[in-house]
Amino acid sequence: MTKTTRLSIEIDPESHRQIKTLATFAGMSIKDYILAKTLPRKAAPKDATAQLLGNAKNAARLRKAIATPRSEHVGFETLEELKHALGI
């Protein structure tokens, strides 16, 4: 069994929400998202999420969604609903 260590950080609720949103859009857990953004890794093939967000228009929409107050957020039940909302 590999030995592991726990890492905890304290952040404000809004920062947590933003990180969680980015991780969700990347199809990752918060843990995996943070590790992917902070530790060097081998080049991985682009996944569908990366391809969607590789488009400047979609990336701008994501930034706008992250900046929107929580009370105005829209939820999506399926990937198809999200694609429709993004106009793709």
C-alpha atoms as a PDB file:
ATOM      1  CA  MET A   1       0.000   0.000   0.000  1.00  0.00           C
ATOM      2  CA  THR A   2       1.285   3.467  -0.900  1.00  0.00           C
ATOM      3  CA  LYS A   3       1.648   5.879   1.976  1.00  0.00           C
ATOM      4  CA  THR A   4      -0.358   9.091   1.572  1.00  0.00           C
ATOM      5  CA  THR A   5      -0.478  12.392   3.398  1.00  0.00           C
ATOM      6  CA  ARG A   6      -3.441  14.719   3.853  1.00  0.00           C
ATOM      7  CA  LEU A   7      -3.227  18.360   2.731  1.00  0.00           C
ATOM      8  CA  SER A   8      -5.787  20.882   3.987  1.00  0.00           C
ATOM      9  CA  ILE A   9      -6.187  24.513   3.054  1.00  0.00           C
ATOM     10  CA  GLU A  10      -8.650  27.114   4.234  1.00  0.00           C
ATOM     11  CA  ILE A  11     -10.292  29.221   1.543  1.00  0.00           C
ATOM     12  CA  ASP A  12     -13.357  31.400   1.411  1.00  0.00           C
ATOM     13  CA  PRO A  13     -16.622  29.824   0.195  1.00  0.00           C
ATOM     14  CA  GLU A  14     -16.606  31.778  -3.086  1.00  0.00           C
ATOM     15  CA  SER A  15     -13.120  30.526  -3.996  1.00  0.00           C
ATOM     16  CA  HIS A  16     -14.206  26.987  -3.156  1.00  0.00           C
ATOM     17  CA  ARG A  17     -17.259  27.370  -5.417  1.00  0.00           C
ATOM     18  CA  GLN A  18     -15.111  28.653  -8.275  1.00  0.00           C
ATOM     19  CA  ILE A  19     -12.593  25.801  -7.958  1.00  0.00           C
ATOM     20  CA  LYS A  20     -15.410  23.268  -7.726  1.00  0.00           C
ATOM     21  CA  THR A  21     -17.018  24.728 -10.869  1.00  0.00           C
ATOM     22  CA  LEU A  22     -13.746  24.573 -12.799  1.00  0.00           C
ATOM     23  CA  ALA A  23     -13.143  20.993 -11.651  1.00  0.00           C
ATOM     24  CA  THR A  24     -16.669  20.000 -12.652  1.00  0.00           C
ATOM     25  CA  PHE A  25     -16.262  21.549 -16.118  1.00  0.00           C
ATOM     26  CA  ALA A  26     -12.984  19.627 -16.445  1.00  0.00           C
ATOM     27  CA  GLY A  27     -14.754  16.403 -15.448  1.00  0.00           C
ATOM     28  CA  MET A  28     -12.507  15.993 -12.402  1.00  0.00           C
ATOM     29  CA  SER A  29     -12.735  15.882  -8.651  1.00  0.00           C
ATOM     30  CA  ILE A  30     -11.399  18.950  -6.833  1.00  0.00           C
ATOM     31  CA  LYS A  31      -8.421  16.876  -5.682  1.00  0.00           C
ATOM     32  CA  ASP A  32      -7.559  15.719  -9.200  1.00  0.00           C
ATOM     33  CA  TYR A  33      -8.089  19.218 -10.613  1.00  0.00           C
ATOM     34  CA  ILE A  34      -5.760  20.854  -8.066  1.00  0.00           C
ATOM     35  CA  LEU A  35      -3.099  18.170  -8.580  1.00  0.00           C
ATOM     36  CA  ALA A  36      -3.326  18.517 -12.368  1.00  0.00           C
ATOM     37  CA  LYS A  37      -2.915  22.295 -12.128  1.00  0.00           C
ATOM     38  CA  THR A  38      -0.033  22.256  -9.648  1.00  0.00           C
ATOM     39  CA  LEU A  39       2.131  19.231 -10.411  1.00  0.00           C
ATOM     40  CA  PRO A  40       4.005  18.577 -13.651  1.00  0.00           C
ATOM     41  CA  ARG A  41       2.584  15.688 -15.627  1.00  0.00           C
ATOM     42  CA  LYS A  42       2.972  13.904 -18.918  1.00  0.00           C
ATOM     43  CA  ALA A  43       1.027  15.321 -21.830  1.00  0.00           C
ATOM     44  CA  ALA A  44      -2.380  13.697 -21.917  1.00  0.00           C
ATOM     45  CA  PRO A  45      -4.673  13.547 -24.908  1.00  0.00           C
ATOM     46  CA  LYS A  46      -7.322  16.253 -24.994  1.00  0.00           C
ATOM     47  CA  ASP A  47     -10.628  15.135 -23.592  1.00  0.00           C
ATOM     48  CA  ALA A  48     -14.034  16.388 -24.688  1.00  0.00           C
ATOM     49  CA  THR A  49     -14.109  19.035 -21.940  1.00  0.00           C
ATOM     50  CA  ALA A  50     -10.731  20.421 -22.967  1.00  0.00           C
ATOM     51  CA  GLN A  51     -11.885  20.584 -26.567  1.00  0.00           C
ATOM     52  CA  LEU A  52     -15.078  22.420 -25.593  1.00  0.00           C
ATOM     53  CA  LEU A  53     -13.168  24.906 -23.447  1.00  0.00           C
ATOM     54  CA  GLY A  54     -10.399  25.271 -26.034  1.00  0.00           C
ATOM     55  CA  ASN A  55     -12.799  27.497 -27.936  1.00  0.00           C
ATOM     56  CA  ALA A  56     -12.346  31.130 -26.827  1.00  0.00           C
ATOM     57  CA  LYS A  57     -16.097  31.792 -26.908  1.00  0.00           C
ATOM     58  CA  ASN A  58     -16.853  28.813 -24.647  1.00  0.00           C
ATOM     59  CA  ALA A  59     -13.995  29.716 -22.296  1.00  0.00           C
ATOM     60  CA  ALA A  60     -15.408  33.259 -22.001  1.00  0.00           C
ATOM     61  CA  ARG A  61     -18.829  31.806 -21.177  1.00  0.00           C
ATOM     62  CA  LEU A  62     -17.255  29.665 -18.461  1.00  0.00           C
ATOM     63  CA  ARG A  63     -15.464  32.677 -16.950  1.00  0.00           C
ATOM     64  CA  LYS A  64     -18.772  34.566 -16.968  1.00  0.00           C
ATOM     65  CA  ALA A  65     -20.544  31.631 -15.290  1.00  0.00           C
ATOM     66  CA  ILE A  66     -17.894  31.464 -12.577  1.00  0.00           C
ATOM     67  CA  ALA A  67     -18.206  35.194 -11.911  1.00  0.00           C
ATOM     68  CA  THR A  68     -22.021  35.055 -11.720  1.00  0.00           C
ATOM     69  CA  PRO A  69     -23.482  35.163  -8.201  1.00  0.00           C
ATOM     70  CA  ARG A  70     -24.640  31.723  -7.057  1.00  0.00           C
ATOM     71  CA  SER A  71     -28.308  32.760  -6.884  1.00  0.00           C
ATOM     72  CA  GLU A  72     -28.272  33.330 -10.656  1.00  0.00           C
ATOM     73  CA  HIS A  73     -26.673  29.982 -11.584  1.00  0.00           C
ATOM     74  CA  VAL A  74     -28.389  27.613 -13.946  1.00  0.00           C
ATOM     75  CA  GLY A  75     -27.997  23.884 -13.471  1.00  0.00           C
ATOM     76  CA  PHE A  76     -27.819  21.305 -16.245  1.00  0.00           C
ATOM     77  CA  GLU A  77     -28.986  17.723 -15.931  1.00  0.00           C
ATOM     78  CA  THR A  78     -27.113  16.369 -18.949  1.00  0.00           C
ATOM     79  CA  LEU A  79     -24.139  17.161 -21.132  1.00  0.00           C
ATOM     80  CA  GLU A  80     -26.574  17.723 -24.001  1.00  0.00           C
ATOM     81  CA  GLU A  81     -28.336  20.488 -22.012  1.00  0.00           C
ATOM     82  CA  LEU A  82     -24.969  22.124 -21.347  1.00  0.00           C
ATOM     83  CA  LYS A  83     -23.977  21.905 -25.022  1.00  0.00           C
ATOM     84  CA  HIS A  84     -27.329  23.419 -26.017  1.00  0.00           C
ATOM     85  CA  ALA A  85     -26.842  26.289 -23.542  1.00  0.00           C
ATOM     86  CA  LEU A  86     -23.360  26.896 -24.958  1.00  0.00           C
ATOM     87  CA  GLY A  87     -24.776  26.879 -28.478  1.00  0.00           C
ATOM     88  CA  ILE A  88     -22.714  23.942 -29.684  1.00  0.00           C
END
